[in-house]
Amino acid sequence: MPLRNRVTPTGELIATTSRGTLMGNRGVLHDDHRRIVRHGQTRRWIICLLEFKGRRRTVMTPHRYTELFFLDEATALAAGHRPCAECRRPEYNSYRAAWASARRLTAPPSADEMDLMLAAERRARPRRGNAADLPPGSMILVEHVPHLVLGTSVARWTPSGYVDPGPLPTGEVPILTPETTIDALRAGYLPVLHSSTPSSS
């Protein structure tokens, strides 16, 4: 039986047999029986590589952080995570630089500064905004279902990949991706997307 450690774009944790392409960390979320007992333990929600420097872990080891898994980086960003500074250093630096550029900061933000802002924005989701203003890589809700924005089109999110591409909705929509991450995407940060992602239009 699959463990409840896959993250949806809304931040919810689900059990599915579909495999993820990236790993995440929110602290210790499970008990000694590998049952999820909390949504998050720390405000530092990060996006990690599946493998790094040959390190091996037993999933949901008691009293160790809970290994979470994402379809792709757009999913993780929508859920309120950010790139890890250790195993994804280039992406972390690119994300910080895009964040700073979008907010016209004189220096990139620290990890703590980003984590504080993202934690506040996670609590405020979903917010509403004009779909036409969103950069590719954003996640929105269309009829209560997560969709990936791809320019003038969208694709429906599923645990195993993106399906049912269609036109971008008009007008205001519920936006899942935190506002500061939207700004970073708009400033040029490019998330790693799943192989099922349709071509943007």
N, C-alpha and C. Protein backbone atom coordinates (compact mmCIF):
# COMPACT_ATOMS: atom_id res chain seq x y z
N MET A 1 0.85 -1.19 0.00
CA MET A 1 0.00 0.00 0.00
C MET A 1 0.89 1.24 0.00
N PRO A 2 0.64 2.20 -0.92
CA PRO A 2 1.51 3.38 -0.99
C PRO A 2 1.37 4.26 0.25
N LEU A 3 2.47 4.92 0.59
CA LEU A 3 2.47 5.84 1.72
C LEU A 3 1.85 7.18 1.31
N ARG A 4 1.36 7.89 2.30
CA ARG A 4 0.74 9.19 2.03
C ARG A 4 1.82 10.28 2.05
N ASN A 5 2.65 10.28 1.00
CA ASN A 5 3.77 11.23 0.97
C ASN A 5 3.95 11.91 -0.39
N ARG A 6 2.91 11.90 -1.22
CA ARG A 6 2.94 12.65 -2.47
C ARG A 6 2.21 13.97 -2.27
N VAL A 7 2.80 15.05 -2.78
CA VAL A 7 2.28 16.39 -2.57
C VAL A 7 1.53 16.85 -3.82
N THR A 8 0.34 17.38 -3.63
CA THR A 8 -0.43 17.95 -4.73
C THR A 8 -0.13 19.45 -4.83
N PRO A 9 -0.55 20.11 -5.91
CA PRO A 9 -0.31 21.55 -6.02
C PRO A 9 -0.98 22.38 -4.92
N THR A 10 -2.00 21.84 -4.27
CA THR A 10 -2.64 22.56 -3.17
C THR A 10 -1.88 22.40 -1.86
N GLY A 11 -0.85 21.55 -1.86
CA GLY A 11 -0.09 21.28 -0.65
C GLY A 11 -0.58 20.07 0.12
N GLU A 12 -1.68 19.47 -0.33
CA GLU A 12 -2.23 18.29 0.34
C GLU A 12 -1.31 17.10 0.14
N LEU A 13 -1.29 16.19 1.10
CA LEU A 13 -0.52 14.95 1.00
C LEU A 13 -1.46 13.80 0.69
N ILE A 14 -1.12 13.04 -0.36
CA ILE A 14 -1.97 11.94 -0.79
C ILE A 14 -1.13 10.67 -0.94
N ALA A 15 -1.81 9.53 -1.02
CA ALA A 15 -1.17 8.24 -1.30
C ALA A 15 -1.45 7.88 -2.75
N THR A 16 -0.42 7.56 -3.50
CA THR A 16 -0.58 7.17 -4.90
C THR A 16 0.60 6.30 -5.30
N THR A 17 0.38 5.43 -6.27
CA THR A 17 1.47 4.59 -6.77
C THR A 17 2.33 5.33 -7.79
N SER A 18 1.89 6.48 -8.26
CA SER A 18 2.67 7.26 -9.23
C SER A 18 3.96 7.76 -8.57
N ARG A 19 5.04 7.76 -9.33
CA ARG A 19 6.34 8.16 -8.80
C ARG A 19 6.58 9.65 -9.02
N GLY A 20 7.30 10.26 -8.10
CA GLY A 20 7.66 11.66 -8.23
C GLY A 20 9.02 11.83 -8.88
N THR A 21 9.32 13.05 -9.31
CA THR A 21 10.62 13.35 -9.93
C THR A 21 11.50 14.20 -9.03
N LEU A 22 10.92 14.74 -7.94
CA LEU A 22 11.67 15.54 -6.97
C LEU A 22 11.19 15.17 -5.58
N MET A 23 12.04 15.42 -4.60
CA MET A 23 11.71 15.12 -3.21
C MET A 23 11.55 16.42 -2.44
N GLY A 24 10.83 16.36 -1.31
CA GLY A 24 10.64 17.55 -0.50
C GLY A 24 10.75 17.27 0.97
N ASN A 25 10.81 18.34 1.75
CA ASN A 25 10.99 18.24 3.20
C ASN A 25 10.21 19.37 3.87
N ARG A 26 9.39 19.00 4.87
CA ARG A 26 8.69 19.96 5.73
C ARG A 26 8.92 19.64 7.20
N GLY A 27 9.91 18.79 7.49
CA GLY A 27 10.13 18.33 8.85
C GLY A 27 9.51 16.96 9.08
N VAL A 28 9.34 16.58 10.33
CA VAL A 28 8.81 15.26 10.70
C VAL A 28 7.29 15.34 10.73
N LEU A 29 6.66 14.66 9.77
CA LEU A 29 5.20 14.70 9.65
C LEU A 29 4.55 13.37 10.01
N HIS A 30 5.35 12.32 10.22
CA HIS A 30 4.81 10.97 10.42
C HIS A 30 5.11 10.45 11.83
N ASP A 31 4.33 9.42 12.23
CA ASP A 31 4.56 8.78 13.52
C ASP A 31 5.38 7.49 13.32
N ASP A 32 5.51 6.72 14.38
CA ASP A 32 6.31 5.49 14.31
C ASP A 32 5.71 4.43 13.40
N HIS A 33 4.45 4.61 13.01
CA HIS A 33 3.78 3.66 12.13
C HIS A 33 3.68 4.19 10.70
N ARG A 34 4.44 5.22 10.39
CA ARG A 34 4.50 5.84 9.06
C ARG A 34 3.15 6.43 8.64
N ARG A 35 2.41 6.90 9.60
CA ARG A 35 1.16 7.61 9.33
C ARG A 35 1.40 9.11 9.43
N ILE A 36 0.85 9.87 8.49
CA ILE A 36 0.98 11.32 8.53
C ILE A 36 0.12 11.86 9.67
N VAL A 37 0.74 12.65 10.55
CA VAL A 37 0.02 13.18 11.71
C VAL A 37 0.01 14.70 11.75
N ARG A 38 0.74 15.36 10.82
CA ARG A 38 0.71 16.82 10.74
C ARG A 38 1.01 17.25 9.32
N HIS A 39 0.59 18.47 8.99
CA HIS A 39 0.76 19.00 7.63
C HIS A 39 2.16 19.56 7.41
N GLY A 40 2.73 20.11 8.44
CA GLY A 40 4.07 20.67 8.37
C GLY A 40 4.60 20.88 9.77
N GLN A 41 5.93 20.75 9.94
CA GLN A 41 6.53 20.93 11.26
C GLN A 41 7.35 22.20 11.33
N THR A 42 7.88 22.62 10.19
CA THR A 42 8.76 23.78 10.12
C THR A 42 8.28 24.68 8.99
N ARG A 43 8.67 25.94 9.01
CA ARG A 43 8.31 26.81 7.90
C ARG A 43 9.26 26.65 6.71
N ARG A 44 10.35 25.90 6.89
CA ARG A 44 11.31 25.69 5.80
C ARG A 44 10.85 24.51 4.95
N TRP A 45 10.11 24.81 3.90
CA TRP A 45 9.61 23.80 2.97
C TRP A 45 10.49 23.83 1.73
N ILE A 46 11.23 22.75 1.48
CA ILE A 46 12.21 22.78 0.39
C ILE A 46 11.95 21.69 -0.65
N ILE A 47 12.60 21.89 -1.81
CA ILE A 47 12.51 20.97 -2.95
C ILE A 47 13.89 20.39 -3.17
N CYS A 48 14.01 19.07 -3.13
CA CYS A 48 15.30 18.39 -3.20
C CYS A 48 15.38 17.42 -4.39
N LEU A 49 16.61 17.03 -4.70
CA LEU A 49 16.83 15.97 -5.68
C LEU A 49 16.46 14.62 -5.07
N LEU A 50 16.09 13.68 -5.93
CA LEU A 50 15.81 12.32 -5.45
C LEU A 50 17.08 11.64 -4.95
N GLU A 51 18.21 11.97 -5.57
CA GLU A 51 19.49 11.38 -5.18
C GLU A 51 20.52 12.49 -5.06
N PHE A 52 21.37 12.41 -4.04
CA PHE A 52 22.40 13.43 -3.83
C PHE A 52 23.58 12.82 -3.08
N LYS A 53 24.73 12.81 -3.72
CA LYS A 53 25.98 12.35 -3.12
C LYS A 53 25.89 10.94 -2.56
N GLY A 54 25.08 10.11 -3.19
CA GLY A 54 24.99 8.71 -2.78
C GLY A 54 24.31 8.47 -1.45
N ARG A 55 23.69 9.49 -0.89
CA ARG A 55 23.01 9.31 0.39
C ARG A 55 21.79 8.42 0.22
N ARG A 56 21.61 7.51 1.16
CA ARG A 56 20.48 6.59 1.10
C ARG A 56 19.67 6.71 2.39
N ARG A 57 18.35 6.71 2.24
CA ARG A 57 17.46 6.85 3.40
C ARG A 57 16.36 5.81 3.32
N THR A 58 15.91 5.35 4.46
CA THR A 58 14.70 4.54 4.55
C THR A 58 13.53 5.49 4.74
N VAL A 59 12.57 5.43 3.81
CA VAL A 59 11.47 6.38 3.84
C VAL A 59 10.68 6.28 5.14
N MET A 60 10.41 7.44 5.71
CA MET A 60 9.64 7.57 6.96
C MET A 60 10.28 6.82 8.12
N THR A 61 11.59 6.97 8.26
CA THR A 61 12.27 6.47 9.45
C THR A 61 11.74 7.23 10.67
N PRO A 62 11.44 6.54 11.78
CA PRO A 62 10.92 7.24 12.96
C PRO A 62 11.84 8.38 13.41
N HIS A 63 11.23 9.51 13.71
CA HIS A 63 11.90 10.69 14.26
C HIS A 63 12.86 11.37 13.28
N ARG A 64 12.79 11.02 12.01
CA ARG A 64 13.55 11.70 10.97
C ARG A 64 12.57 12.41 10.05
N TYR A 65 13.07 13.38 9.27
CA TYR A 65 12.14 14.14 8.43
C TYR A 65 11.40 13.23 7.45
N THR A 66 10.20 13.63 7.11
CA THR A 66 9.34 12.86 6.21
C THR A 66 9.70 13.17 4.77
N GLU A 67 10.08 12.15 4.01
CA GLU A 67 10.40 12.33 2.59
C GLU A 67 9.09 12.50 1.81
N LEU A 68 8.95 13.65 1.19
CA LEU A 68 7.78 13.95 0.36
C LEU A 68 8.20 13.92 -1.10
N PHE A 69 7.25 13.71 -2.00
CA PHE A 69 7.58 13.60 -3.42
C PHE A 69 6.61 14.42 -4.26
N PHE A 70 7.16 15.01 -5.33
CA PHE A 70 6.40 15.88 -6.23
C PHE A 70 6.44 15.35 -7.66
N LEU A 71 5.35 15.58 -8.39
CA LEU A 71 5.35 15.29 -9.82
C LEU A 71 6.48 16.05 -10.50
N ASP A 72 6.61 17.34 -10.20
CA ASP A 72 7.65 18.18 -10.80
C ASP A 72 7.81 19.44 -9.96
N GLU A 73 8.65 20.36 -10.44
CA GLU A 73 8.93 21.55 -9.64
C GLU A 73 7.76 22.53 -9.63
N ALA A 74 6.99 22.60 -10.71
CA ALA A 74 5.82 23.49 -10.71
C ALA A 74 4.84 23.07 -9.62
N THR A 75 4.69 21.77 -9.43
CA THR A 75 3.84 21.25 -8.36
C THR A 75 4.37 21.67 -6.99
N ALA A 76 5.67 21.49 -6.80
CA ALA A 76 6.28 21.83 -5.51
C ALA A 76 6.19 23.33 -5.22
N LEU A 77 6.44 24.15 -6.22
CA LEU A 77 6.36 25.60 -6.03
C LEU A 77 4.94 26.02 -5.69
N ALA A 78 3.96 25.43 -6.37
CA ALA A 78 2.56 25.76 -6.09
C ALA A 78 2.19 25.39 -4.66
N ALA A 79 2.74 24.29 -4.17
CA ALA A 79 2.45 23.85 -2.80
C ALA A 79 3.12 24.73 -1.76
N GLY A 80 4.02 25.61 -2.19
CA GLY A 80 4.66 26.54 -1.27
C GLY A 80 6.08 26.20 -0.89
N HIS A 81 6.71 25.28 -1.62
CA HIS A 81 8.11 24.92 -1.38
C HIS A 81 9.03 25.80 -2.23
N ARG A 82 10.33 25.76 -1.91
CA ARG A 82 11.35 26.46 -2.69
C ARG A 82 12.56 25.55 -2.85
N PRO A 83 13.47 25.86 -3.81
CA PRO A 83 14.63 24.99 -4.02
C PRO A 83 15.54 24.90 -2.79
N CYS A 84 16.09 23.71 -2.58
CA CYS A 84 17.02 23.45 -1.49
C CYS A 84 18.37 24.12 -1.78
N ALA A 85 18.97 24.71 -0.75
CA ALA A 85 20.25 25.40 -0.92
C ALA A 85 21.43 24.43 -1.01
N GLU A 86 21.24 23.18 -0.57
CA GLU A 86 22.35 22.23 -0.60
C GLU A 86 22.35 21.40 -1.88
N CYS A 87 21.32 20.59 -2.09
CA CYS A 87 21.36 19.66 -3.22
C CYS A 87 20.94 20.30 -4.54
N ARG A 88 20.29 21.46 -4.49
CA ARG A 88 19.88 22.15 -5.73
C ARG A 88 20.40 23.59 -5.70
N ARG A 89 21.68 23.72 -5.40
CA ARG A 89 22.27 25.06 -5.22
C ARG A 89 22.10 25.96 -6.44
N PRO A 90 22.33 25.48 -7.67
CA PRO A 90 22.13 26.38 -8.82
C PRO A 90 20.70 26.90 -8.91
N GLU A 91 19.73 26.01 -8.69
CA GLU A 91 18.32 26.43 -8.74
C GLU A 91 17.99 27.37 -7.57
N TYR A 92 18.54 27.09 -6.41
CA TYR A 92 18.35 27.97 -5.25
C TYR A 92 18.85 29.38 -5.56
N ASN A 93 20.06 29.46 -6.12
CA ASN A 93 20.61 30.78 -6.44
C ASN A 93 19.80 31.48 -7.52
N SER A 94 19.33 30.73 -8.52
CA SER A 94 18.50 31.32 -9.58
C SER A 94 17.17 31.83 -9.02
N TYR A 95 16.59 31.05 -8.12
CA TYR A 95 15.32 31.44 -7.50
C TYR A 95 15.50 32.71 -6.67
N ARG A 96 16.56 32.76 -5.87
CA ARG A 96 16.85 33.95 -5.06
C ARG A 96 17.07 35.17 -5.94
N ALA A 97 17.83 34.98 -7.02
CA ALA A 97 18.12 36.11 -7.91
C ALA A 97 16.84 36.62 -8.57
N ALA A 98 15.97 35.70 -8.99
CA ALA A 98 14.71 36.11 -9.61
C ALA A 98 13.82 36.81 -8.59
N TRP A 99 13.79 36.29 -7.39
CA TRP A 99 13.02 36.91 -6.29
C TRP A 99 13.50 38.35 -6.08
N ALA A 100 14.84 38.51 -5.99
CA ALA A 100 15.41 39.84 -5.75
C ALA A 100 15.12 40.78 -6.91
N SER A 101 15.24 40.27 -8.13
CA SER A 101 14.97 41.10 -9.31
C SER A 101 13.52 41.55 -9.33
N ALA A 102 12.61 40.64 -9.05
CA ALA A 102 11.18 40.98 -9.09
C ALA A 102 10.82 42.03 -8.05
N ARG A 103 11.51 42.00 -6.92
CA ARG A 103 11.19 42.93 -5.82
C ARG A 103 12.17 44.10 -5.74
N ARG A 104 13.06 44.16 -6.71
CA ARG A 104 14.03 45.26 -6.80
C ARG A 104 14.85 45.39 -5.51
N LEU A 105 15.29 44.25 -5.02
CA LEU A 105 16.13 44.24 -3.82
C LEU A 105 17.59 44.49 -4.21
N THR A 106 18.35 45.05 -3.31
CA THR A 106 19.76 45.31 -3.59
C THR A 106 20.61 44.06 -3.42
N ALA A 107 20.07 43.04 -2.72
CA ALA A 107 20.78 41.77 -2.53
C ALA A 107 19.75 40.65 -2.47
N PRO A 108 20.13 39.44 -2.86
CA PRO A 108 19.18 38.33 -2.79
C PRO A 108 18.73 38.09 -1.36
N PRO A 109 17.50 37.62 -1.17
CA PRO A 109 17.00 37.36 0.19
C PRO A 109 17.69 36.14 0.80
N SER A 110 17.72 36.09 2.11
CA SER A 110 18.23 34.90 2.80
C SER A 110 17.18 33.80 2.77
N ALA A 111 17.60 32.59 3.10
CA ALA A 111 16.65 31.49 3.17
C ALA A 111 15.56 31.79 4.19
N ASP A 112 15.94 32.34 5.34
CA ASP A 112 14.95 32.65 6.37
C ASP A 112 13.94 33.69 5.89
N GLU A 113 14.41 34.69 5.18
CA GLU A 113 13.50 35.72 4.66
C GLU A 113 12.50 35.12 3.68
N MET A 114 12.98 34.26 2.79
CA MET A 114 12.08 33.62 1.83
C MET A 114 11.09 32.70 2.54
N ASP A 115 11.59 31.95 3.52
CA ASP A 115 10.72 30.99 4.21
C ASP A 115 9.63 31.69 5.00
N LEU A 116 9.94 32.82 5.61
CA LEU A 116 8.93 33.59 6.34
C LEU A 116 7.84 34.08 5.40
N MET A 117 8.24 34.60 4.25
CA MET A 117 7.28 35.11 3.29
C MET A 117 6.42 33.99 2.72
N LEU A 118 7.05 32.88 2.34
CA LEU A 118 6.30 31.76 1.77
C LEU A 118 5.34 31.16 2.78
N ALA A 119 5.74 31.09 4.04
CA ALA A 119 4.85 30.55 5.07
C ALA A 119 3.60 31.40 5.20
N ALA A 120 3.77 32.71 5.16
CA ALA A 120 2.61 33.61 5.23
C ALA A 120 1.73 33.46 4.01
N GLU A 121 2.34 33.31 2.84
CA GLU A 121 1.56 33.20 1.61
C GLU A 121 0.84 31.86 1.51
N ARG A 122 1.43 30.81 2.07
CA ARG A 122 0.74 29.51 2.08
C ARG A 122 -0.57 29.61 2.87
N ARG A 123 -0.55 30.37 3.94
CA ARG A 123 -1.75 30.51 4.76
C ARG A 123 -2.84 31.31 4.05
N ALA A 124 -2.45 32.10 3.06
CA ALA A 124 -3.41 32.98 2.37
C ALA A 124 -3.94 32.37 1.08
N ARG A 125 -3.55 31.14 0.75
CA ARG A 125 -3.99 30.55 -0.52
C ARG A 125 -5.38 29.93 -0.40
N PRO A 126 -6.08 29.77 -1.56
CA PRO A 126 -5.71 30.41 -2.83
C PRO A 126 -6.18 31.86 -2.87
N ARG A 127 -5.46 32.68 -3.59
CA ARG A 127 -5.91 34.04 -3.81
C ARG A 127 -6.43 34.12 -5.24
N ARG A 128 -7.04 35.22 -5.60
CA ARG A 128 -7.59 35.36 -6.95
C ARG A 128 -6.79 36.39 -7.74
N GLY A 129 -6.70 36.15 -9.05
CA GLY A 129 -6.01 37.07 -9.93
C GLY A 129 -6.38 36.79 -11.36
N ASN A 130 -5.96 37.68 -12.23
CA ASN A 130 -6.27 37.55 -13.66
C ASN A 130 -5.39 36.47 -14.28
N ALA A 131 -6.01 35.48 -14.89
CA ALA A 131 -5.26 34.37 -15.49
C ALA A 131 -4.28 34.85 -16.55
N ALA A 132 -4.66 35.86 -17.30
CA ALA A 132 -3.81 36.35 -18.39
C ALA A 132 -2.52 36.98 -17.89
N ASP A 133 -2.47 37.35 -16.62
CA ASP A 133 -1.27 37.99 -16.06
C ASP A 133 -0.26 36.98 -15.52
N LEU A 134 -0.59 35.70 -15.52
CA LEU A 134 0.26 34.71 -14.88
C LEU A 134 1.33 34.18 -15.82
N PRO A 135 2.56 34.00 -15.33
CA PRO A 135 3.64 33.45 -16.15
C PRO A 135 3.52 31.93 -16.28
N PRO A 136 4.11 31.35 -17.33
CA PRO A 136 4.15 29.89 -17.43
C PRO A 136 4.82 29.28 -16.19
N GLY A 137 4.29 28.13 -15.77
CA GLY A 137 4.80 27.49 -14.57
C GLY A 137 3.94 27.74 -13.35
N SER A 138 3.00 28.69 -13.46
CA SER A 138 2.06 28.96 -12.37
C SER A 138 1.02 27.85 -12.32
N MET A 139 0.40 27.70 -11.17
CA MET A 139 -0.69 26.74 -11.00
C MET A 139 -1.95 27.47 -10.56
N ILE A 140 -3.06 27.11 -11.18
CA ILE A 140 -4.36 27.69 -10.86
C ILE A 140 -5.38 26.58 -10.65
N LEU A 141 -6.55 26.96 -10.15
CA LEU A 141 -7.67 26.03 -10.06
C LEU A 141 -8.66 26.33 -11.17
N VAL A 142 -9.04 25.30 -11.91
CA VAL A 142 -10.09 25.41 -12.92
C VAL A 142 -11.18 24.42 -12.51
N GLU A 143 -12.32 24.93 -12.14
CA GLU A 143 -13.41 24.09 -11.61
C GLU A 143 -12.90 23.22 -10.46
N HIS A 144 -12.13 23.85 -9.57
CA HIS A 144 -11.63 23.24 -8.33
C HIS A 144 -10.53 22.20 -8.57
N VAL A 145 -9.99 22.13 -9.78
CA VAL A 145 -8.94 21.15 -10.11
C VAL A 145 -7.66 21.90 -10.48
N PRO A 146 -6.49 21.50 -9.96
CA PRO A 146 -5.24 22.18 -10.30
C PRO A 146 -4.89 22.05 -11.78
N HIS A 147 -4.46 23.15 -12.37
CA HIS A 147 -4.01 23.20 -13.75
C HIS A 147 -2.70 23.99 -13.83
N LEU A 148 -1.83 23.56 -14.73
CA LEU A 148 -0.57 24.25 -14.99
C LEU A 148 -0.76 25.27 -16.10
N VAL A 149 -0.29 26.49 -15.86
CA VAL A 149 -0.37 27.54 -16.88
C VAL A 149 0.79 27.38 -17.86
N LEU A 150 0.46 27.39 -19.15
CA LEU A 150 1.46 27.23 -20.22
C LEU A 150 1.24 28.33 -21.26
N GLY A 151 1.52 29.56 -20.89
CA GLY A 151 1.27 30.65 -21.83
C GLY A 151 -0.21 30.91 -21.97
N THR A 152 -0.74 30.68 -23.17
CA THR A 152 -2.17 30.90 -23.41
C THR A 152 -2.99 29.62 -23.26
N SER A 153 -2.37 28.57 -22.74
CA SER A 153 -3.08 27.31 -22.52
C SER A 153 -2.81 26.80 -21.11
N VAL A 154 -3.56 25.77 -20.72
CA VAL A 154 -3.37 25.12 -19.43
C VAL A 154 -3.44 23.61 -19.63
N ALA A 155 -2.93 22.86 -18.66
CA ALA A 155 -3.06 21.40 -18.66
C ALA A 155 -3.43 20.95 -17.26
N ARG A 156 -4.31 19.98 -17.18
CA ARG A 156 -4.79 19.50 -15.89
C ARG A 156 -3.73 18.64 -15.20
N TRP A 157 -3.54 18.91 -13.92
CA TRP A 157 -2.58 18.15 -13.12
C TRP A 157 -3.20 16.83 -12.66
N THR A 158 -2.42 15.76 -12.75
CA THR A 158 -2.76 14.48 -12.12
C THR A 158 -1.50 13.97 -11.43
N PRO A 159 -1.61 13.01 -10.51
CA PRO A 159 -0.41 12.51 -9.84
C PRO A 159 0.62 11.90 -10.78
N SER A 160 0.19 11.46 -11.96
CA SER A 160 1.11 10.81 -12.89
C SER A 160 1.52 11.68 -14.06
N GLY A 161 0.95 12.88 -14.19
CA GLY A 161 1.33 13.76 -15.30
C GLY A 161 0.24 14.73 -15.67
N TYR A 162 0.53 15.54 -16.69
CA TYR A 162 -0.43 16.55 -17.16
C TYR A 162 -1.25 16.00 -18.33
N VAL A 163 -2.54 16.29 -18.30
CA VAL A 163 -3.46 15.79 -19.32
C VAL A 163 -4.42 16.91 -19.72
N ASP A 164 -5.20 16.63 -20.75
CA ASP A 164 -6.31 17.49 -21.17
C ASP A 164 -5.92 18.95 -21.37
N PRO A 165 -4.95 19.24 -22.25
CA PRO A 165 -4.61 20.65 -22.48
C PRO A 165 -5.80 21.41 -23.06
N GLY A 166 -5.91 22.66 -22.67
CA GLY A 166 -7.01 23.49 -23.14
C GLY A 166 -6.65 24.96 -23.04
N PRO A 167 -7.55 25.84 -23.44
CA PRO A 167 -7.25 27.27 -23.43
C PRO A 167 -7.18 27.83 -22.01
N LEU A 168 -6.39 28.85 -21.84
CA LEU A 168 -6.30 29.55 -20.56
C LEU A 168 -7.65 30.20 -20.24
N PRO A 169 -8.17 30.02 -19.03
CA PRO A 169 -9.44 30.67 -18.69
C PRO A 169 -9.33 32.19 -18.79
N THR A 170 -10.44 32.83 -19.01
CA THR A 170 -10.47 34.29 -19.04
C THR A 170 -10.92 34.81 -17.68
N GLY A 171 -10.48 36.01 -17.35
CA GLY A 171 -10.89 36.64 -16.10
C GLY A 171 -10.12 36.13 -14.90
N GLU A 172 -10.70 36.33 -13.73
CA GLU A 172 -10.05 35.96 -12.48
C GLU A 172 -10.19 34.46 -12.19
N VAL A 173 -9.12 33.92 -11.61
CA VAL A 173 -9.10 32.50 -11.24
C VAL A 173 -8.46 32.36 -9.86
N PRO A 174 -8.72 31.26 -9.15
CA PRO A 174 -7.98 30.99 -7.91
C PRO A 174 -6.54 30.58 -8.25
N ILE A 175 -5.57 31.23 -7.62
CA ILE A 175 -4.16 30.99 -7.90
C ILE A 175 -3.55 30.22 -6.73
N LEU A 176 -2.89 29.10 -7.03
CA LEU A 176 -2.27 28.29 -6.00
C LEU A 176 -0.84 28.72 -5.71
N THR A 177 -0.06 29.02 -6.73
CA THR A 177 1.35 29.36 -6.55
C THR A 177 1.48 30.65 -5.74
N PRO A 178 2.31 30.65 -4.69
CA PRO A 178 2.47 31.85 -3.87
C PRO A 178 2.89 33.07 -4.69
N GLU A 179 2.47 34.23 -4.23
CA GLU A 179 2.69 35.46 -5.00
C GLU A 179 4.16 35.74 -5.25
N THR A 180 5.03 35.53 -4.25
CA THR A 180 6.44 35.80 -4.46
C THR A 180 7.06 34.83 -5.46
N THR A 181 6.58 33.60 -5.49
CA THR A 181 7.07 32.64 -6.49
C THR A 181 6.56 33.02 -7.87
N ILE A 182 5.32 33.50 -7.97
CA ILE A 182 4.82 34.02 -9.25
C ILE A 182 5.75 35.13 -9.74
N ASP A 183 6.14 36.02 -8.84
CA ASP A 183 7.05 37.10 -9.21
C ASP A 183 8.38 36.55 -9.70
N ALA A 184 8.90 35.51 -9.03
CA ALA A 184 10.16 34.91 -9.45
C ALA A 184 10.04 34.26 -10.83
N LEU A 185 8.92 33.60 -11.09
CA LEU A 185 8.68 33.02 -12.42
C LEU A 185 8.63 34.11 -13.47
N ARG A 186 7.95 35.19 -13.14
CA ARG A 186 7.84 36.31 -14.07
C ARG A 186 9.21 36.95 -14.34
N ALA A 187 10.08 36.89 -13.34
CA ALA A 187 11.42 37.48 -13.47
C ALA A 187 12.42 36.54 -14.12
N GLY A 188 11.97 35.33 -14.49
CA GLY A 188 12.83 34.46 -15.27
C GLY A 188 13.19 33.12 -14.66
N TYR A 189 12.71 32.82 -13.44
CA TYR A 189 13.02 31.50 -12.90
C TYR A 189 12.27 30.44 -13.69
N LEU A 190 12.98 29.38 -14.10
CA LEU A 190 12.40 28.33 -14.93
C LEU A 190 12.30 27.03 -14.13
N PRO A 191 11.11 26.63 -13.74
CA PRO A 191 10.95 25.38 -12.99
C PRO A 191 11.14 24.16 -13.89
N VAL A 192 11.59 23.08 -13.29
CA VAL A 192 11.71 21.80 -14.00
C VAL A 192 10.32 21.19 -14.10
N LEU A 193 9.86 20.97 -15.34
CA LEU A 193 8.51 20.45 -15.57
C LEU A 193 8.54 18.96 -15.94
N HIS A 194 7.46 18.27 -15.65
CA HIS A 194 7.34 16.84 -15.93
C HIS A 194 7.37 16.59 -17.43
N SER A 195 7.84 15.40 -17.80
CA SER A 195 7.97 15.04 -19.22
C SER A 195 6.63 15.02 -19.95
N SER A 196 5.53 14.92 -19.22
CA SER A 196 4.20 14.89 -19.85
C SER A 196 3.69 16.29 -20.20
N THR A 197 4.41 17.33 -19.82
CA THR A 197 3.94 18.70 -20.03
C THR A 197 3.75 18.99 -21.51
N PRO A 198 2.55 19.43 -21.93
CA PRO A 198 2.35 19.78 -23.34
C PRO A 198 3.19 21.00 -23.72
N SER A 199 3.42 21.16 -25.01
CA SER A 199 4.13 22.35 -25.48
C SER A 199 3.33 23.59 -25.13
N SER A 200 4.03 24.65 -24.71
CA SER A 200 3.34 25.90 -24.37
C SER A 200 2.87 26.59 -25.63
N SER A 201 1.84 27.41 -25.47
CA SER A 201 1.30 28.15 -26.62
C SER A 201 0.94 29.55 -26.18
